[in-house]
Amino acid sequence: MKIILSRKGFDSGSGGRASPILPDGTMVSLPIPSDSGNYTYEELSIPGNNNTLSYAEILRCLNPKKAYNKCHLDPDIRSGLRKTSSDWAEAFGQIGAAQTHLDTHGIKEGDLFIFFGWFKKTEYHNGHLRYIRGAENIHAIYGYLQVGKILKNTNVKVLDWHPHSDDAHIYDKNGAITNNTIYVASKHLSVDGFSSKMPGAGTLMFSENRVLTAEGKSRSRWKLNDVFTNVNLSHHNNNCIKNDYFQSRCRGQEFVFDEDPRVIEWAKSIIIDS
């Protein structure tokens, strides 16, 4: 089994704000803005939250000077986020250089994506959500998807609710087929012989164990551990290992670990044991 660290959600270039960690620990990865997006932020809301918030309201609170309209909802791993068709399933799409990188590393059924992004803790003040003053900007893990099926070429059209199922992703400007790919989640999570009742994909609540950033460091400087110091991670090398932190790459979406029992145990500790 290969483990892939996948950076998703708002960043300084797309969205311009940290995704919020809600006061109850819910981690809301804000999908990046896109004029050709498949949903508006108004259509998305956190299910089961006592103070149900649409993503649009979250953004009005956290960045009131900017107008947000449509978004690229991907990965799509939170059930109940909006009205969906009966055939909805957790899925993640990739294309271009990032997908070439995944193809080069032979990502297959059973491999595990772990999604992380830029987050910051929030609180309610006078009924409105806001970032906690002085809260750290961190990289944190918020979700996962174990690959159950891989769809390529025009086969992606069966998932007509997913943004990567449209022709703009399937064909390039010359009409040629691209490497557009959708990874559909397995029914249940199965890690190194451990079969869980957990679904094959989903979002995670905040815990310190899911924080990648080293305490007191900028968000791209991660905690040192066996995984980051002794296992190969694509787009990284030994120069990334510093005295008291691991310098993650600022560019790149998918980082693939070499297959290693230590990485699998680390993944289990992040998803199952936290």
Protein backbone atom coordinates (compact mmCIF):
# COMPACT_ATOMS: atom_id res chain seq x y z
CA MET A 1 0.00 0.00 0.00
CA LYS A 2 1.22 3.47 -0.92
CA ILE A 3 0.34 6.55 1.11
CA ILE A 4 -0.08 9.88 -0.69
CA LEU A 5 -0.07 13.22 1.11
CA SER A 6 -2.36 15.50 -0.90
CA ARG A 7 -2.50 19.27 -0.35
CA LYS A 8 -6.01 20.66 -0.89
CA GLY A 9 -8.24 23.64 -0.07
CA PHE A 10 -7.59 27.36 0.28
CA ASP A 11 -4.02 28.61 0.15
CA SER A 12 -2.39 32.02 -0.17
CA GLY A 13 -2.86 31.96 -3.95
CA SER A 14 -6.35 30.43 -4.14
CA GLY A 15 -8.80 31.79 -1.60
CA GLY A 16 -6.31 33.77 0.45
CA ARG A 17 -7.45 32.62 3.89
CA ALA A 18 -6.89 29.63 6.14
CA SER A 19 -9.65 27.04 6.24
CA PRO A 20 -11.37 27.11 9.63
CA ILE A 21 -11.23 24.69 12.51
CA LEU A 22 -14.67 25.29 14.03
CA PRO A 23 -15.03 25.60 17.82
CA ASP A 24 -16.35 22.01 18.05
CA GLY A 25 -13.26 20.67 16.24
CA THR A 26 -14.87 20.27 12.81
CA MET A 27 -12.28 20.92 10.11
CA VAL A 28 -13.79 22.67 7.08
CA SER A 29 -11.48 22.50 4.09
CA LEU A 30 -12.70 25.32 1.87
CA PRO A 31 -12.69 24.26 -1.81
CA ILE A 32 -10.78 26.63 -4.08
CA PRO A 33 -12.67 29.35 -6.01
CA SER A 34 -13.37 28.61 -9.67
CA ASP A 35 -15.45 30.53 -12.20
CA SER A 36 -16.32 27.20 -13.82
CA GLY A 37 -16.99 25.50 -10.50
CA ASN A 38 -19.70 22.91 -10.03
CA TYR A 39 -21.20 24.48 -6.89
CA THR A 40 -21.55 27.87 -5.26
CA TYR A 41 -20.38 28.31 -1.69
CA GLU A 42 -23.99 29.11 -0.78
CA GLU A 43 -25.03 25.57 -1.78
CA LEU A 44 -22.58 23.94 0.64
CA SER A 45 -23.13 23.69 4.39
CA ILE A 46 -21.85 21.62 7.29
CA PRO A 47 -24.36 18.87 8.11
CA GLY A 48 -25.23 18.12 11.71
CA ASN A 49 -23.73 21.33 13.07
CA ASN A 50 -25.90 22.92 15.77
CA ASN A 51 -25.35 26.31 14.20
CA THR A 52 -25.57 25.20 10.57
CA LEU A 53 -23.30 27.37 8.48
CA SER A 54 -23.14 27.60 4.74
CA TYR A 55 -19.66 27.91 3.32
CA ALA A 56 -20.72 31.32 2.02
CA GLU A 57 -21.51 32.50 5.55
CA ILE A 58 -18.19 31.16 6.81
CA LEU A 59 -16.40 33.18 4.15
CA ARG A 60 -18.45 36.31 4.84
CA CYS A 61 -17.29 36.06 8.45
CA LEU A 62 -13.64 35.25 7.79
CA ASN A 63 -13.00 37.43 4.73
CA PRO A 64 -15.85 40.00 4.49
CA LYS A 65 -14.08 42.23 1.96
CA LYS A 66 -13.98 39.55 -0.74
CA ALA A 67 -16.90 38.12 -2.71
CA TYR A 68 -16.84 34.37 -3.34
CA ASN A 69 -19.19 32.65 -5.77
CA LYS A 70 -18.40 29.27 -7.35
CA CYS A 71 -15.93 26.64 -6.22
CA HIS A 72 -14.21 23.46 -7.38
CA LEU A 73 -15.47 20.88 -4.87
CA ASP A 74 -12.71 18.30 -4.96
CA PRO A 75 -11.97 16.09 -3.11
CA ASP A 76 -15.66 15.44 -2.49
CA ILE A 77 -15.51 13.38 0.71
CA ARG A 78 -18.00 14.92 3.15
CA SER A 79 -21.42 13.28 2.92
CA GLY A 80 -24.44 15.53 3.39
CA LEU A 81 -22.57 18.64 2.31
CA ARG A 82 -25.22 19.49 -0.27
CA LYS A 83 -28.01 17.84 -2.24
CA THR A 84 -26.60 15.01 -4.31
CA SER A 85 -27.79 12.36 -6.72
CA SER A 86 -28.49 8.87 -5.40
CA ASP A 87 -25.31 7.51 -6.99
CA TRP A 88 -23.00 9.90 -5.13
CA ALA A 89 -19.80 8.43 -3.75
CA GLU A 90 -16.71 9.93 -2.18
CA ALA A 91 -14.24 10.76 -4.95
CA PHE A 92 -11.19 12.80 -5.88
CA GLY A 93 -10.08 14.02 -9.32
CA GLN A 94 -6.66 14.94 -10.65
CA ILE A 95 -5.23 16.01 -14.02
CA GLY A 96 -2.10 17.39 -15.68
CA ALA A 97 1.34 17.29 -14.09
CA ALA A 98 -0.01 16.22 -10.69
CA GLN A 99 -1.78 13.23 -12.27
CA THR A 100 1.34 12.36 -14.26
CA HIS A 101 3.19 12.26 -10.94
CA LEU A 102 0.61 9.82 -9.54
CA ASP A 103 0.79 7.67 -12.68
CA THR A 104 4.59 7.61 -12.48
CA HIS A 105 4.34 6.27 -8.93
CA GLY A 106 1.84 3.62 -9.96
CA ILE A 107 -1.05 4.63 -7.71
CA LYS A 108 -3.58 1.81 -7.72
CA GLU A 109 -6.64 0.41 -5.95
CA GLY A 110 -6.01 0.07 -2.23
CA ASP A 111 -3.61 3.01 -2.01
CA LEU A 112 -4.49 5.75 0.46
CA PHE A 113 -4.73 9.51 -0.04
CA ILE A 114 -4.35 11.61 3.11
CA PHE A 115 -5.56 15.17 2.58
CA PHE A 116 -4.01 18.15 4.36
CA GLY A 117 -4.28 21.91 4.07
CA TRP A 118 -3.88 25.32 5.69
CA PHE A 119 -6.02 25.68 8.83
CA LYS A 120 -6.55 28.05 11.71
CA LYS A 121 -8.71 27.78 14.86
CA THR A 122 -11.86 29.88 15.09
CA GLU A 123 -14.37 31.00 17.71
CA TYR A 124 -17.79 32.62 17.86
CA HIS A 125 -17.91 36.28 18.85
CA ASN A 126 -21.28 38.03 19.08
CA GLY A 127 -22.79 35.23 17.03
CA HIS A 128 -20.22 35.45 14.23
CA LEU A 129 -17.34 33.17 13.40
CA ARG A 130 -13.84 34.63 13.52
CA TYR A 131 -10.25 33.45 13.73
CA ILE A 132 -8.96 33.25 17.29
CA ARG A 133 -6.54 36.13 17.78
CA GLY A 134 -3.01 34.78 17.82
CA ALA A 135 -4.04 31.31 16.60
CA GLU A 136 -1.29 29.57 14.65
CA ASN A 137 -1.42 29.01 10.92
CA ILE A 138 -0.89 25.27 10.53
CA HIS A 139 -0.85 22.47 8.02
CA ALA A 140 -3.19 19.77 9.33
CA ILE A 141 -4.67 16.54 8.04
CA TYR A 142 -8.43 16.74 7.61
CA GLY A 143 -9.49 13.74 5.51
CA TYR A 144 -8.62 10.57 3.64
CA LEU A 145 -9.65 8.42 0.67
CA GLN A 146 -8.70 4.82 0.02
CA VAL A 147 -8.84 4.05 -3.68
CA GLY A 148 -11.56 1.57 -4.60
CA LYS A 149 -11.81 2.30 -8.32
CA ILE A 150 -9.88 4.41 -10.82
CA LEU A 151 -11.75 6.04 -13.72
CA LYS A 152 -9.97 7.50 -16.74
CA ASN A 153 -10.80 8.99 -20.14
CA THR A 154 -14.54 9.18 -20.91
CA ASN A 155 -15.30 6.63 -18.17
CA VAL A 156 -15.37 9.54 -15.71
CA LYS A 157 -18.71 10.64 -17.19
CA VAL A 158 -20.55 8.10 -15.04
CA LEU A 159 -19.93 10.47 -12.12
CA ASP A 160 -21.79 13.40 -13.66
CA TRP A 161 -21.87 15.27 -10.33
CA HIS A 162 -18.06 15.44 -10.10
CA PRO A 163 -16.22 18.44 -11.64
CA HIS A 164 -13.70 16.16 -13.38
CA SER A 165 -16.51 14.48 -15.33
CA ASP A 166 -17.00 17.48 -17.62
CA ASP A 167 -15.59 17.78 -21.14
CA ALA A 168 -13.31 20.65 -20.13
CA HIS A 169 -11.31 18.14 -18.08
CA ILE A 170 -11.63 15.17 -20.43
CA TYR A 171 -10.42 16.94 -23.60
CA ASP A 172 -7.71 19.52 -24.17
CA LYS A 173 -8.19 22.59 -26.40
CA ASN A 174 -7.28 20.50 -29.45
CA GLY A 175 -9.83 17.81 -28.65
CA ALA A 176 -7.29 15.22 -27.49
CA ILE A 177 -7.98 13.03 -24.45
CA THR A 178 -6.17 14.26 -21.34
CA ASN A 179 -4.89 12.23 -18.40
CA ASN A 180 -7.91 13.34 -16.35
CA THR A 181 -8.58 10.77 -13.61
CA ILE A 182 -11.11 10.24 -10.83
CA TYR A 183 -10.31 8.08 -7.81
CA VAL A 184 -13.47 6.62 -6.26
CA ALA A 185 -13.34 5.56 -2.62
CA SER A 186 -13.54 1.97 -1.45
CA LYS A 187 -16.60 0.99 0.58
CA HIS A 188 -14.66 0.49 3.81
CA LEU A 189 -11.19 1.44 5.03
CA SER A 190 -8.71 -1.43 5.08
CA VAL A 191 -5.15 -0.68 6.16
CA ASP A 192 -2.41 -3.35 6.27
CA GLY A 193 -4.79 -6.19 7.05
CA PHE A 194 -6.81 -4.09 9.50
CA SER A 195 -10.39 -3.87 8.22
CA SER A 196 -12.32 -1.02 9.76
CA LYS A 197 -16.01 -0.21 9.85
CA MET A 198 -14.96 3.28 8.87
CA PRO A 199 -15.97 4.32 5.34
CA GLY A 200 -13.35 4.25 2.61
CA ALA A 201 -13.20 8.06 2.64
CA GLY A 202 -14.21 10.84 4.96
CA THR A 203 -13.31 13.90 6.95
CA LEU A 204 -11.62 13.97 10.35
CA MET A 205 -12.06 16.05 13.48
CA PHE A 206 -9.18 18.18 14.70
CA SER A 207 -6.62 16.64 17.01
CA GLU A 208 -3.02 17.57 17.77
CA ASN A 209 -1.93 14.25 16.26
CA ARG A 210 -3.23 15.47 12.90
CA VAL A 211 -1.16 18.67 12.94
CA LEU A 212 1.83 18.46 10.61
CA THR A 213 3.36 21.83 11.51
CA ALA A 214 6.03 21.87 14.22
CA GLU A 215 5.08 23.96 17.25
CA GLY A 216 6.03 27.61 16.85
CA LYS A 217 7.12 27.16 13.22
CA SER A 218 5.66 28.48 9.96
CA ARG A 219 3.08 26.09 8.55
CA SER A 220 5.36 24.45 5.94
CA ARG A 221 7.86 23.39 8.60
CA TRP A 222 6.67 20.03 9.86
CA LYS A 223 7.35 17.90 12.92
CA LEU A 224 10.27 15.53 12.69
CA ASN A 225 9.43 11.83 13.03
CA ASP A 226 10.42 8.43 11.59
CA VAL A 227 8.24 8.96 8.55
CA PHE A 228 9.80 12.25 7.46
CA THR A 229 13.38 11.42 8.37
CA ASN A 230 13.73 7.79 7.26
CA VAL A 231 11.30 7.24 4.37
CA ASN A 232 11.49 8.69 0.86
CA LEU A 233 8.77 11.21 0.03
CA SER A 234 8.43 12.39 -3.57
CA HIS A 235 9.40 16.02 -4.31
CA HIS A 236 11.54 15.95 -1.13
CA ASN A 237 15.10 14.91 -0.27
CA ASN A 238 17.54 14.84 2.66
CA ASN A 239 18.04 18.60 2.39
CA CYS A 240 14.49 18.96 3.72
CA ILE A 241 15.57 17.52 7.08
CA LYS A 242 16.65 20.33 9.40
CA ASN A 243 17.76 20.34 13.04
CA ASP A 244 14.26 20.57 14.52
CA TYR A 245 11.81 20.40 11.62
CA PHE A 246 11.13 18.94 8.17
CA GLN A 247 10.84 21.56 5.42
CA SER A 248 7.92 20.57 3.21
CA ARG A 249 7.86 21.75 -0.38
CA CYS A 250 5.85 24.90 -1.02
CA ARG A 251 4.92 23.71 -4.50
CA GLY A 252 3.26 20.45 -5.50
CA GLN A 253 -0.09 18.84 -4.73
CA GLU A 254 0.66 15.14 -4.27
CA PHE A 255 3.60 13.75 -2.31
CA VAL A 256 4.00 9.96 -2.48
CA PHE A 257 5.73 7.94 0.23
CA ASP A 258 7.75 4.85 -0.56
CA GLU A 259 5.94 1.73 0.62
CA ASP A 260 7.06 1.21 4.19
CA PRO A 261 5.45 -0.32 7.32
CA ARG A 262 6.29 2.81 9.31
CA VAL A 263 4.25 4.97 6.96
CA ILE A 264 1.26 2.62 7.21
CA GLU A 265 1.42 2.69 11.02
CA TRP A 266 1.65 6.47 10.93
CA ALA A 267 -1.39 6.65 8.64
CA LYS A 268 -3.36 4.37 10.97
CA SER A 269 -2.44 6.55 13.94
CA ILE A 270 -3.67 9.63 12.08
CA ILE A 271 -6.97 8.24 10.80
CA ILE A 272 -7.99 5.51 13.21
CA ASP A 273 -6.22 6.04 16.53
CA SER A 274 -6.49 9.83 17.01
